[in-house]
Each structure stands twice: as structure tokens, then as C-alpha cells.
Amino acid sequence: MGIFRKKETLNEQMLREAGLDRVVLNTPLPASKPVADDPPQFEFGRRASRLNHEPLAWDATTTATAPGLQGDYVAFITLPGGDLIVISGDGDGDLSPLADSIEEHVSPPYRAAASRQDDDRWGVGAVRIEVATISFQGADELDLAQSGGVSELDVDGEPSDATPPLELQRLGERIGGDFCVEANRIDGDYWEVKVSSL
């Protein structure tokens, strides 16, 4: 079902620092409307302010009935092939009812958060994401910036002399010569990526 880790992962740390470790969706609305006037935001990477990303709102919200699912909150990522990776929360059990419900509105890949509303009813919100397969060992975060033909790679927030993965370069080149690509490891060679122009 998911990957459970004993120590706090980078994604859990980012969710906690963004105040998303306990998202509560009290009154889910139709998919065309946000959950609230100021819905919780997913923060991405350490250099989000440098990239001038606009805050993300939910792409879809819904409710789901999930009998037997324990806990009150769970956050997960669904990969392009449909695999679910649990990134935080105390929800323990089958998450497929949550995924099936939100996938009536959003196709994988996406990042989702769900919280118990009452009994077996859960509120679910999802944000579309881009996922890339990148072979790079020993790191959880990569940032590749290119400006004026000069590239700079940061690995886990520190400058690095390592050769940037070709996949990052290709992602950046889709939008032109000056770009920044942020990648956060989801699991294995799967990375959540954001590409921005500089």
C-alpha cells in the first residue's frame, strides 16, 4: 500500500513546516471550488520563494467512504502507474477508497491529503504534480538552475560538483535556456519535479 518510515522524511518535514501535517477538511465542496477561502497549501522545496511559484490550491476536492481506515489524517502521492506512496499521517489501512474517489476528478500523478470527517467519511483534496524517473543516489532533493548557459546543481540544499542528471537538463530545456528544475524524491527513482523559467 505505501512506504512507512520510522524517522521523519523530507516530505513529512516539508508538510510539517508548511502547516500541513494536520489538514482538516470540514466541509468539502464541489471540485470546481476550493475547500475553504484560504485552503492549505503544499510547499515545494527549500527554494520555493526563489522560484516565484504561486501558492497551490486544490485541483479537486471530494468526500469518500473508507470503512476500516484507522486514524484521522493521511497524505499520499499517487504515481502515474497508480501506486500509492504514503508520505505522512496516522491513517492505517486501505487507501484505495480515497484514491478512487479523488480520481473521479484528477488523474495520477497527484499529491493528496485526506482527513476524517465523521465515522467512515473522509474529505480528500488533491493537487496535480509532475513525476519524473531520475537515477541519482544518496540525495532527497535536487535543484538545477541554468542561467546564461551556466549550470548550478544543489544536492540536498548544498552546492555540488556532481554531474547533473540528464533528465533534469531535459526537463529544463522544455521551457528555454534559463530555467530552474526542483526535484524531490518520492521513492526509489520517482521524483516530484517543478520546472520554472528564470
N, C-alpha and C. Protein backbone atom coordinates (compact mmCIF):
# COMPACT_ATOMS: atom_id res chain seq x y z
N MET A 1 0.83 -1.20 0.00
CA MET A 1 0.00 0.00 0.00
C MET A 1 0.86 1.24 0.00
N GLY A 2 1.84 1.32 0.88
CA GLY A 2 2.63 2.52 0.96
C GLY A 2 3.95 2.24 1.62
N ILE A 3 4.77 3.25 1.70
CA ILE A 3 6.06 3.14 2.32
C ILE A 3 5.97 3.81 3.69
N PHE A 4 6.26 3.07 4.75
CA PHE A 4 6.23 3.63 6.10
C PHE A 4 7.66 3.74 6.61
N ARG A 5 8.01 4.89 7.13
CA ARG A 5 9.36 5.09 7.66
C ARG A 5 9.27 5.50 9.11
N LYS A 6 10.26 5.07 9.90
CA LYS A 6 10.26 5.40 11.32
C LYS A 6 10.68 6.84 11.57
N LYS A 7 11.70 7.33 10.84
CA LYS A 7 12.12 8.70 11.06
C LYS A 7 11.38 9.62 10.09
N GLU A 8 11.36 10.89 10.40
CA GLU A 8 10.66 11.88 9.58
C GLU A 8 11.34 12.00 8.23
N THR A 9 10.57 11.87 7.16
CA THR A 9 11.11 12.03 5.82
C THR A 9 11.16 13.50 5.46
N LEU A 10 11.84 13.81 4.34
CA LEU A 10 11.89 15.19 3.87
C LEU A 10 10.49 15.69 3.55
N ASN A 11 9.66 14.84 2.93
CA ASN A 11 8.29 15.25 2.62
C ASN A 11 7.50 15.55 3.88
N GLU A 12 7.65 14.71 4.92
CA GLU A 12 6.96 14.94 6.18
C GLU A 12 7.43 16.24 6.81
N GLN A 13 8.75 16.50 6.73
CA GLN A 13 9.29 17.73 7.27
C GLN A 13 8.70 18.93 6.54
N MET A 14 8.63 18.86 5.20
CA MET A 14 8.07 19.97 4.43
C MET A 14 6.60 20.18 4.75
N LEU A 15 5.84 19.09 4.88
CA LEU A 15 4.43 19.22 5.25
C LEU A 15 4.29 19.85 6.63
N ARG A 16 5.13 19.42 7.58
CA ARG A 16 5.05 19.98 8.93
C ARG A 16 5.40 21.46 8.91
N GLU A 17 6.48 21.83 8.21
CA GLU A 17 6.89 23.23 8.15
C GLU A 17 5.87 24.10 7.43
N ALA A 18 5.12 23.50 6.49
CA ALA A 18 4.08 24.25 5.78
C ALA A 18 2.75 24.24 6.53
N GLY A 19 2.73 23.57 7.69
CA GLY A 19 1.50 23.51 8.47
C GLY A 19 0.49 22.53 7.93
N LEU A 20 0.95 21.55 7.13
CA LEU A 20 0.03 20.60 6.51
C LEU A 20 0.05 19.23 7.18
N ASP A 21 0.71 19.13 8.32
CA ASP A 21 0.77 17.82 8.96
C ASP A 21 -0.56 17.42 9.57
N ARG A 22 -1.50 18.34 9.72
CA ARG A 22 -2.83 18.02 10.25
C ARG A 22 -3.89 18.83 9.50
N VAL A 23 -4.02 18.59 8.18
CA VAL A 23 -5.02 19.29 7.38
C VAL A 23 -6.40 18.78 7.76
N VAL A 24 -7.37 19.67 7.96
CA VAL A 24 -8.73 19.28 8.26
C VAL A 24 -9.64 19.88 7.20
N LEU A 25 -10.38 19.02 6.54
CA LEU A 25 -11.32 19.46 5.52
C LEU A 25 -12.71 19.29 6.11
N ASN A 26 -13.25 20.34 6.70
CA ASN A 26 -14.51 20.22 7.42
C ASN A 26 -15.72 20.08 6.50
N THR A 27 -15.77 20.88 5.43
CA THR A 27 -16.94 20.85 4.57
C THR A 27 -16.48 20.82 3.12
N PRO A 28 -16.25 19.62 2.56
CA PRO A 28 -15.81 19.56 1.17
C PRO A 28 -16.84 20.16 0.23
N LEU A 29 -16.35 20.84 -0.79
CA LEU A 29 -17.20 21.48 -1.79
C LEU A 29 -16.99 20.80 -3.13
N PRO A 30 -17.78 21.12 -4.13
CA PRO A 30 -17.57 20.53 -5.45
C PRO A 30 -16.16 20.82 -5.96
N ALA A 31 -15.71 20.00 -6.91
CA ALA A 31 -14.34 20.08 -7.39
C ALA A 31 -13.99 21.44 -7.97
N SER A 32 -14.95 22.21 -8.44
CA SER A 32 -14.66 23.50 -9.06
C SER A 32 -14.38 24.58 -8.04
N LYS A 33 -14.57 24.31 -6.75
CA LYS A 33 -14.37 25.31 -5.72
C LYS A 33 -13.31 24.83 -4.75
N PRO A 34 -12.54 25.77 -4.15
CA PRO A 34 -11.58 25.34 -3.13
C PRO A 34 -12.28 24.87 -1.88
N VAL A 35 -11.55 24.14 -1.04
CA VAL A 35 -12.11 23.63 0.20
C VAL A 35 -12.51 24.75 1.13
N ALA A 36 -11.73 25.82 1.16
CA ALA A 36 -12.03 26.95 2.02
C ALA A 36 -11.54 28.22 1.33
N ASP A 37 -11.84 29.38 1.93
CA ASP A 37 -11.37 30.63 1.34
C ASP A 37 -9.86 30.66 1.23
N ASP A 38 -9.18 30.07 2.20
CA ASP A 38 -7.72 30.01 2.22
C ASP A 38 -7.30 28.57 2.44
N PRO A 39 -7.41 27.70 1.40
CA PRO A 39 -7.13 26.27 1.59
C PRO A 39 -5.67 26.04 1.93
N PRO A 40 -5.38 24.91 2.60
CA PRO A 40 -3.99 24.58 2.90
C PRO A 40 -3.18 24.50 1.61
N GLN A 41 -1.91 24.84 1.70
CA GLN A 41 -1.03 24.87 0.53
C GLN A 41 0.05 23.82 0.68
N PHE A 42 0.44 23.19 -0.43
CA PHE A 42 1.61 22.33 -0.44
C PHE A 42 2.81 23.20 -0.76
N GLU A 43 3.82 23.16 0.08
CA GLU A 43 5.06 23.89 -0.18
C GLU A 43 6.01 22.93 -0.87
N PHE A 44 6.78 23.43 -1.81
CA PHE A 44 7.67 22.54 -2.57
C PHE A 44 9.10 23.05 -2.47
N GLY A 45 9.94 22.29 -1.87
CA GLY A 45 11.36 22.57 -1.87
C GLY A 45 11.77 23.73 -0.99
N ARG A 46 13.07 23.84 -0.80
CA ARG A 46 13.61 24.88 0.07
C ARG A 46 13.71 26.22 -0.64
N ARG A 47 13.73 26.22 -1.99
CA ARG A 47 13.95 27.46 -2.71
C ARG A 47 12.69 27.93 -3.40
N ALA A 48 11.52 27.60 -2.84
CA ALA A 48 10.26 27.95 -3.50
C ALA A 48 10.14 29.45 -3.71
N SER A 49 10.58 30.27 -2.73
CA SER A 49 10.45 31.71 -2.87
C SER A 49 11.35 32.22 -3.99
N ARG A 50 12.51 31.59 -4.18
CA ARG A 50 13.40 31.99 -5.26
C ARG A 50 12.76 31.73 -6.62
N LEU A 51 11.95 30.68 -6.70
CA LEU A 51 11.36 30.31 -7.99
C LEU A 51 10.09 31.09 -8.31
N ASN A 52 9.60 31.86 -7.36
CA ASN A 52 8.38 32.65 -7.57
C ASN A 52 7.18 31.79 -7.93
N HIS A 53 7.06 30.63 -7.28
CA HIS A 53 5.89 29.79 -7.50
C HIS A 53 4.68 30.44 -6.86
N GLU A 54 3.57 30.44 -7.55
CA GLU A 54 2.32 30.86 -6.94
C GLU A 54 1.86 29.79 -5.97
N PRO A 55 1.19 30.16 -4.88
CA PRO A 55 0.67 29.13 -3.97
C PRO A 55 -0.28 28.20 -4.70
N LEU A 56 -0.24 26.94 -4.32
CA LEU A 56 -1.09 25.94 -4.95
C LEU A 56 -2.41 25.82 -4.22
N ALA A 57 -3.50 25.75 -4.94
CA ALA A 57 -4.81 25.45 -4.37
C ALA A 57 -5.17 24.03 -4.82
N TRP A 58 -6.14 23.46 -4.15
CA TRP A 58 -6.58 22.12 -4.53
C TRP A 58 -7.07 22.12 -5.97
N ASP A 59 -6.66 21.11 -6.74
CA ASP A 59 -7.21 20.92 -8.08
C ASP A 59 -8.55 20.22 -8.01
N ALA A 60 -8.78 19.47 -6.94
CA ALA A 60 -10.06 18.78 -6.76
C ALA A 60 -10.25 18.46 -5.29
N THR A 61 -11.50 18.46 -4.86
CA THR A 61 -11.86 18.02 -3.51
C THR A 61 -13.09 17.15 -3.62
N THR A 62 -13.21 16.24 -2.67
CA THR A 62 -14.37 15.36 -2.66
C THR A 62 -14.47 14.69 -1.29
N THR A 63 -15.45 13.86 -1.13
CA THR A 63 -15.55 13.03 0.07
C THR A 63 -15.50 11.57 -0.37
N ALA A 64 -15.11 10.73 0.58
CA ALA A 64 -15.01 9.29 0.29
C ALA A 64 -15.40 8.52 1.54
N THR A 65 -15.97 7.34 1.33
CA THR A 65 -16.26 6.44 2.43
C THR A 65 -15.17 5.38 2.45
N ALA A 66 -14.46 5.31 3.59
CA ALA A 66 -13.32 4.39 3.71
C ALA A 66 -13.48 3.54 4.97
N PRO A 67 -14.32 2.50 4.91
CA PRO A 67 -14.50 1.65 6.08
C PRO A 67 -13.20 0.95 6.47
N GLY A 68 -12.94 0.92 7.75
CA GLY A 68 -11.78 0.22 8.25
C GLY A 68 -10.50 1.02 8.25
N LEU A 69 -10.50 2.20 7.65
CA LEU A 69 -9.30 3.03 7.64
C LEU A 69 -9.15 3.68 9.01
N GLN A 70 -8.02 3.42 9.66
CA GLN A 70 -7.78 3.93 11.01
C GLN A 70 -7.17 5.33 10.94
N GLY A 71 -7.15 6.03 12.10
CA GLY A 71 -6.52 7.34 12.18
C GLY A 71 -7.46 8.44 11.73
N ASP A 72 -6.93 9.65 11.68
CA ASP A 72 -7.73 10.82 11.31
C ASP A 72 -7.17 11.60 10.14
N TYR A 73 -5.94 11.30 9.71
CA TYR A 73 -5.31 12.09 8.65
C TYR A 73 -4.30 11.23 7.90
N VAL A 74 -4.22 11.44 6.59
CA VAL A 74 -3.19 10.77 5.80
C VAL A 74 -2.88 11.63 4.58
N ALA A 75 -1.61 11.68 4.20
CA ALA A 75 -1.18 12.35 2.96
C ALA A 75 -0.46 11.32 2.13
N PHE A 76 -0.71 11.34 0.82
CA PHE A 76 -0.11 10.34 -0.04
C PHE A 76 0.09 10.90 -1.43
N ILE A 77 0.96 10.25 -2.18
CA ILE A 77 1.20 10.57 -3.58
C ILE A 77 0.81 9.36 -4.40
N THR A 78 0.09 9.58 -5.48
CA THR A 78 -0.22 8.52 -6.42
C THR A 78 0.63 8.71 -7.65
N LEU A 79 1.42 7.69 -7.99
CA LEU A 79 2.33 7.73 -9.13
C LEU A 79 1.56 7.52 -10.43
N PRO A 80 2.19 7.81 -11.58
CA PRO A 80 1.50 7.67 -12.86
C PRO A 80 0.89 6.29 -13.08
N GLY A 81 1.53 5.23 -12.58
CA GLY A 81 1.01 3.88 -12.75
C GLY A 81 -0.07 3.50 -11.75
N GLY A 82 -0.37 4.39 -10.81
CA GLY A 82 -1.42 4.12 -9.83
C GLY A 82 -0.94 3.68 -8.47
N ASP A 83 0.38 3.47 -8.29
CA ASP A 83 0.90 3.09 -6.97
C ASP A 83 0.74 4.24 -5.99
N LEU A 84 0.35 3.91 -4.74
CA LEU A 84 0.19 4.91 -3.69
C LEU A 84 1.40 4.89 -2.78
N ILE A 85 1.96 6.05 -2.49
CA ILE A 85 3.07 6.18 -1.55
C ILE A 85 2.59 7.07 -0.41
N VAL A 86 2.54 6.52 0.80
CA VAL A 86 2.13 7.29 1.97
C VAL A 86 3.29 8.19 2.38
N ILE A 87 3.02 9.49 2.55
CA ILE A 87 4.10 10.41 2.92
C ILE A 87 3.97 10.92 4.34
N SER A 88 2.78 10.89 4.92
CA SER A 88 2.63 11.25 6.33
C SER A 88 1.23 10.91 6.78
N GLY A 89 1.03 11.00 8.10
CA GLY A 89 -0.29 10.81 8.66
C GLY A 89 -0.39 9.60 9.55
N ASP A 90 -1.56 9.48 10.17
CA ASP A 90 -1.81 8.36 11.07
C ASP A 90 -2.84 7.39 10.51
N GLY A 91 -3.24 7.61 9.25
CA GLY A 91 -4.19 6.70 8.61
C GLY A 91 -3.54 5.37 8.32
N ASP A 92 -4.15 4.28 8.78
CA ASP A 92 -3.59 2.95 8.58
C ASP A 92 -4.68 2.05 8.04
N GLY A 93 -4.46 1.50 6.85
CA GLY A 93 -5.46 0.64 6.23
C GLY A 93 -5.47 0.86 4.73
N ASP A 94 -6.54 0.44 4.09
CA ASP A 94 -6.68 0.51 2.65
C ASP A 94 -7.05 1.93 2.22
N LEU A 95 -6.14 2.58 1.48
CA LEU A 95 -6.38 3.95 1.00
C LEU A 95 -7.08 3.98 -0.35
N SER A 96 -7.32 2.83 -0.95
CA SER A 96 -7.89 2.84 -2.30
C SER A 96 -9.25 3.54 -2.39
N PRO A 97 -10.14 3.50 -1.36
CA PRO A 97 -11.38 4.27 -1.49
C PRO A 97 -11.13 5.77 -1.61
N LEU A 98 -10.10 6.28 -0.92
CA LEU A 98 -9.76 7.70 -1.02
C LEU A 98 -9.25 8.01 -2.43
N ALA A 99 -8.33 7.16 -2.92
CA ALA A 99 -7.78 7.38 -4.26
C ALA A 99 -8.86 7.24 -5.33
N ASP A 100 -9.70 6.22 -5.22
CA ASP A 100 -10.76 6.03 -6.23
C ASP A 100 -11.69 7.23 -6.28
N SER A 101 -12.01 7.78 -5.11
CA SER A 101 -12.93 8.91 -5.07
C SER A 101 -12.32 10.16 -5.70
N ILE A 102 -11.07 10.47 -5.36
CA ILE A 102 -10.46 11.68 -5.91
C ILE A 102 -10.14 11.51 -7.39
N GLU A 103 -9.91 10.26 -7.84
CA GLU A 103 -9.58 10.04 -9.24
C GLU A 103 -10.79 10.16 -10.16
N GLU A 104 -11.96 10.38 -9.61
CA GLU A 104 -13.10 10.75 -10.44
C GLU A 104 -12.95 12.19 -10.94
N HIS A 105 -12.02 12.94 -10.32
CA HIS A 105 -11.81 14.35 -10.65
C HIS A 105 -10.40 14.67 -11.13
N VAL A 106 -9.41 13.89 -10.69
CA VAL A 106 -8.00 14.14 -11.00
C VAL A 106 -7.34 12.81 -11.34
N SER A 107 -6.58 12.79 -12.44
CA SER A 107 -5.86 11.57 -12.81
C SER A 107 -4.46 11.59 -12.22
N PRO A 108 -3.88 10.42 -11.92
CA PRO A 108 -2.49 10.38 -11.44
C PRO A 108 -1.55 10.95 -12.51
N PRO A 109 -0.45 11.52 -12.07
CA PRO A 109 0.06 11.60 -10.70
C PRO A 109 -0.52 12.81 -9.96
N TYR A 110 -0.66 12.66 -8.65
CA TYR A 110 -1.14 13.76 -7.81
C TYR A 110 -0.68 13.55 -6.38
N ARG A 111 -0.73 14.64 -5.63
CA ARG A 111 -0.45 14.63 -4.19
C ARG A 111 -1.78 14.87 -3.51
N ALA A 112 -2.10 14.09 -2.50
CA ALA A 112 -3.41 14.20 -1.85
C ALA A 112 -3.27 14.22 -0.34
N ALA A 113 -4.25 14.85 0.30
CA ALA A 113 -4.36 14.84 1.76
C ALA A 113 -5.81 14.53 2.08
N ALA A 114 -6.01 13.72 3.11
CA ALA A 114 -7.37 13.33 3.50
C ALA A 114 -7.49 13.38 5.00
N SER A 115 -8.66 13.83 5.47
CA SER A 115 -8.90 13.84 6.90
C SER A 115 -10.30 13.34 7.19
N ARG A 116 -10.41 12.63 8.32
CA ARG A 116 -11.69 12.05 8.70
C ARG A 116 -12.68 13.17 9.01
N GLN A 117 -13.89 13.04 8.46
CA GLN A 117 -14.96 14.00 8.74
C GLN A 117 -15.85 13.48 9.86
N ASP A 118 -16.30 12.24 9.73
CA ASP A 118 -17.05 11.56 10.79
C ASP A 118 -17.16 10.09 10.40
N ASP A 119 -17.15 9.23 11.37
CA ASP A 119 -17.25 7.78 11.14
C ASP A 119 -16.31 7.36 10.01
N ASP A 120 -16.88 6.82 8.91
CA ASP A 120 -16.07 6.35 7.79
C ASP A 120 -15.97 7.38 6.66
N ARG A 121 -16.48 8.58 6.85
CA ARG A 121 -16.46 9.60 5.80
C ARG A 121 -15.21 10.47 5.93
N TRP A 122 -14.50 10.60 4.81
CA TRP A 122 -13.26 11.36 4.75
C TRP A 122 -13.38 12.48 3.71
N GLY A 123 -12.78 13.63 3.98
CA GLY A 123 -12.61 14.68 2.98
C GLY A 123 -11.25 14.49 2.33
N VAL A 124 -11.19 14.64 1.01
CA VAL A 124 -9.96 14.42 0.27
C VAL A 124 -9.71 15.61 -0.66
N GLY A 125 -8.49 16.12 -0.66
CA GLY A 125 -8.08 17.17 -1.60
C GLY A 125 -6.85 16.70 -2.34
N ALA A 126 -6.73 17.09 -3.62
CA ALA A 126 -5.58 16.64 -4.43
C ALA A 126 -5.05 17.78 -5.28
N VAL A 127 -3.75 17.74 -5.51
CA VAL A 127 -3.04 18.68 -6.37
C VAL A 127 -2.31 17.87 -7.42
N ARG A 128 -2.49 18.23 -8.69
CA ARG A 128 -1.75 17.56 -9.76
C ARG A 128 -0.26 17.86 -9.61
N ILE A 129 0.57 16.87 -9.89
CA ILE A 129 2.02 17.04 -9.85
C ILE A 129 2.63 16.43 -11.10
N GLU A 130 3.91 16.75 -11.32
CA GLU A 130 4.66 16.11 -12.39
C GLU A 130 5.66 15.17 -11.73
N VAL A 131 5.75 13.96 -12.25
CA VAL A 131 6.66 12.96 -11.71
C VAL A 131 7.63 12.55 -12.82
N ALA A 132 8.92 12.47 -12.46
CA ALA A 132 9.94 12.04 -13.41
C ALA A 132 10.73 10.89 -12.80
N THR A 133 11.30 10.07 -13.66
CA THR A 133 12.20 9.00 -13.23
C THR A 133 13.62 9.50 -13.39
N ILE A 134 14.33 9.60 -12.25
CA ILE A 134 15.69 10.14 -12.25
C ILE A 134 16.57 9.19 -11.46
N SER A 135 17.69 8.77 -12.07
CA SER A 135 18.66 7.91 -11.38
C SER A 135 19.70 8.81 -10.71
N PHE A 136 19.60 8.94 -9.38
CA PHE A 136 20.57 9.73 -8.62
C PHE A 136 20.54 9.20 -7.20
N GLN A 137 21.65 8.66 -6.74
CA GLN A 137 21.70 8.03 -5.43
C GLN A 137 22.15 9.01 -4.35
N GLY A 138 21.74 8.74 -3.12
CA GLY A 138 22.27 9.46 -1.97
C GLY A 138 21.75 10.86 -1.76
N ALA A 139 20.56 11.19 -2.26
CA ALA A 139 20.01 12.53 -2.06
C ALA A 139 18.49 12.45 -2.09
N ASP A 140 17.86 13.43 -1.45
CA ASP A 140 16.40 13.53 -1.46
C ASP A 140 15.90 14.76 -2.21
N GLU A 141 16.79 15.72 -2.47
CA GLU A 141 16.39 16.94 -3.15
C GLU A 141 17.48 17.39 -4.11
N LEU A 142 17.07 17.71 -5.34
CA LEU A 142 17.98 18.22 -6.36
C LEU A 142 17.42 19.52 -6.90
N ASP A 143 18.30 20.50 -7.09
CA ASP A 143 17.92 21.78 -7.70
C ASP A 143 18.93 22.08 -8.79
N LEU A 144 18.47 22.17 -10.02
CA LEU A 144 19.34 22.51 -11.14
C LEU A 144 18.89 23.85 -11.70
N ALA A 145 19.78 24.83 -11.65
CA ALA A 145 19.50 26.15 -12.22
C ALA A 145 20.47 26.40 -13.36
N GLN A 146 19.94 26.96 -14.45
CA GLN A 146 20.80 27.31 -15.57
C GLN A 146 20.46 28.72 -16.01
N SER A 147 21.48 29.56 -16.07
CA SER A 147 21.29 30.95 -16.49
C SER A 147 22.48 31.36 -17.34
N GLY A 148 22.21 31.90 -18.53
CA GLY A 148 23.28 32.32 -19.42
C GLY A 148 24.21 31.20 -19.80
N GLY A 149 23.70 29.98 -19.87
CA GLY A 149 24.50 28.83 -20.25
C GLY A 149 25.31 28.23 -19.11
N VAL A 150 25.23 28.82 -17.91
CA VAL A 150 25.97 28.32 -16.76
C VAL A 150 25.01 27.56 -15.85
N SER A 151 25.38 26.32 -15.51
CA SER A 151 24.52 25.48 -14.69
C SER A 151 25.05 25.39 -13.27
N GLU A 152 24.12 25.29 -12.31
CA GLU A 152 24.47 25.12 -10.90
C GLU A 152 23.56 24.04 -10.34
N LEU A 153 24.17 23.03 -9.72
CA LEU A 153 23.42 21.94 -9.12
C LEU A 153 23.56 21.99 -7.61
N ASP A 154 22.44 21.98 -6.91
CA ASP A 154 22.43 21.83 -5.45
C ASP A 154 21.87 20.46 -5.13
N VAL A 155 22.51 19.78 -4.19
CA VAL A 155 22.07 18.46 -3.74
C VAL A 155 21.75 18.57 -2.26
N ASP A 156 20.51 18.31 -1.92
CA ASP A 156 20.04 18.45 -0.54
C ASP A 156 20.38 19.82 0.03
N GLY A 157 20.21 20.86 -0.79
CA GLY A 157 20.39 22.24 -0.34
C GLY A 157 21.82 22.74 -0.34
N GLU A 158 22.78 21.93 -0.77
CA GLU A 158 24.19 22.32 -0.78
C GLU A 158 24.73 22.30 -2.21
N PRO A 159 25.57 23.30 -2.59
CA PRO A 159 26.19 23.28 -3.92
C PRO A 159 26.96 21.98 -4.14
N SER A 160 26.90 21.47 -5.37
CA SER A 160 27.55 20.19 -5.67
C SER A 160 28.29 20.27 -6.99
N ASP A 161 29.42 19.53 -7.05
CA ASP A 161 30.18 19.39 -8.29
C ASP A 161 29.74 18.18 -9.09
N ALA A 162 28.74 17.46 -8.62
CA ALA A 162 28.26 16.27 -9.32
C ALA A 162 27.70 16.65 -10.68
N THR A 163 27.78 15.72 -11.62
CA THR A 163 27.20 15.95 -12.94
C THR A 163 25.68 15.91 -12.82
N PRO A 164 25.01 16.97 -13.27
CA PRO A 164 23.54 16.98 -13.17
C PRO A 164 22.93 15.83 -13.98
N PRO A 165 21.91 15.19 -13.43
CA PRO A 165 21.25 14.13 -14.20
C PRO A 165 20.71 14.68 -15.52
N LEU A 166 20.89 13.92 -16.59
CA LEU A 166 20.43 14.32 -17.90
C LEU A 166 18.93 14.59 -17.91
N GLU A 167 18.18 13.84 -17.10
CA GLU A 167 16.73 14.03 -17.05
C GLU A 167 16.37 15.44 -16.57
N LEU A 168 17.11 15.97 -15.59
CA LEU A 168 16.84 17.34 -15.11
C LEU A 168 17.11 18.35 -16.21
N GLN A 169 18.22 18.18 -16.93
CA GLN A 169 18.56 19.09 -18.02
C GLN A 169 17.47 19.09 -19.08
N ARG A 170 16.98 17.92 -19.45
CA ARG A 170 15.93 17.83 -20.47
C ARG A 170 14.64 18.49 -20.02
N LEU A 171 14.30 18.31 -18.72
CA LEU A 171 13.09 18.95 -18.20
C LEU A 171 13.20 20.46 -18.30
N GLY A 172 14.35 21.01 -17.95
CA GLY A 172 14.54 22.45 -18.01
C GLY A 172 14.52 22.99 -19.43
N GLU A 173 15.13 22.26 -20.33
CA GLU A 173 15.22 22.73 -21.71
C GLU A 173 13.87 22.81 -22.41
N ARG A 174 12.85 22.18 -21.83
CA ARG A 174 11.50 22.29 -22.42
C ARG A 174 11.02 23.73 -22.44
N ILE A 175 11.48 24.55 -21.47
CA ILE A 175 10.96 25.92 -21.38
C ILE A 175 11.97 26.97 -21.81
N GLY A 176 13.15 26.56 -22.28
CA GLY A 176 14.11 27.54 -22.78
C GLY A 176 15.47 27.41 -22.13
N GLY A 177 16.31 28.44 -22.36
CA GLY A 177 17.69 28.39 -21.93
C GLY A 177 17.92 28.69 -20.47
N ASP A 178 17.12 29.55 -19.86
CA ASP A 178 17.29 29.90 -18.44
C ASP A 178 16.15 29.27 -17.65
N PHE A 179 16.50 28.37 -16.75
CA PHE A 179 15.47 27.61 -16.04
C PHE A 179 15.97 27.16 -14.69
N CYS A 180 15.05 26.68 -13.89
CA CYS A 180 15.36 26.00 -12.63
C CYS A 180 14.45 24.79 -12.54
N VAL A 181 15.03 23.66 -12.21
CA VAL A 181 14.28 22.43 -12.02
C VAL A 181 14.50 21.97 -10.57
N GLU A 182 13.42 21.84 -9.83
CA GLU A 182 13.48 21.29 -8.48
C GLU A 182 12.94 19.87 -8.52
N ALA A 183 13.62 18.98 -7.84
CA ALA A 183 13.17 17.58 -7.78
C ALA A 183 13.26 17.09 -6.34
N ASN A 184 12.18 16.53 -5.84
CA ASN A 184 12.14 15.93 -4.52
C ASN A 184 11.81 14.45 -4.67
N ARG A 185 12.65 13.61 -4.06
CA ARG A 185 12.46 12.17 -4.18
C ARG A 185 11.15 11.76 -3.51
N ILE A 186 10.36 10.97 -4.24
CA ILE A 186 9.15 10.37 -3.68
C ILE A 186 9.51 9.02 -3.10
N ASP A 187 10.07 8.17 -3.95
CA ASP A 187 10.51 6.84 -3.53
C ASP A 187 11.32 6.24 -4.67
N GLY A 188 12.43 5.60 -4.35
CA GLY A 188 13.26 4.98 -5.39
C GLY A 188 13.71 6.02 -6.41
N ASP A 189 13.48 5.73 -7.69
CA ASP A 189 13.85 6.66 -8.76
C ASP A 189 12.72 7.59 -9.16
N TYR A 190 11.61 7.60 -8.41
CA TYR A 190 10.50 8.51 -8.69
C TYR A 190 10.70 9.82 -7.94
N TRP A 191 10.62 10.93 -8.67
CA TRP A 191 10.83 12.26 -8.11
C TRP A 191 9.66 13.17 -8.51
N GLU A 192 9.22 13.99 -7.58
CA GLU A 192 8.27 15.05 -7.91
C GLU A 192 9.09 16.23 -8.41
N VAL A 193 8.72 16.79 -9.56
CA VAL A 193 9.53 17.85 -10.17
C VAL A 193 8.68 19.09 -10.44
N LYS A 194 9.35 20.23 -10.38
CA LYS A 194 8.76 21.51 -10.79
C LYS A 194 9.78 22.22 -11.66
N VAL A 195 9.32 22.75 -12.77
CA VAL A 195 10.19 23.43 -13.72
C VAL A 195 9.74 24.87 -13.82
N SER A 196 10.68 25.81 -13.68
CA SER A 196 10.36 27.23 -13.74
C SER A 196 11.37 27.95 -14.62
N SER A 197 10.92 29.02 -15.26
CA SER A 197 11.86 29.84 -16.01
C SER A 197 12.48 30.87 -15.07
N LEU A 198 13.71 31.26 -15.36
CA LEU A 198 14.40 32.26 -14.55
C LEU A 198 14.35 33.61 -15.23
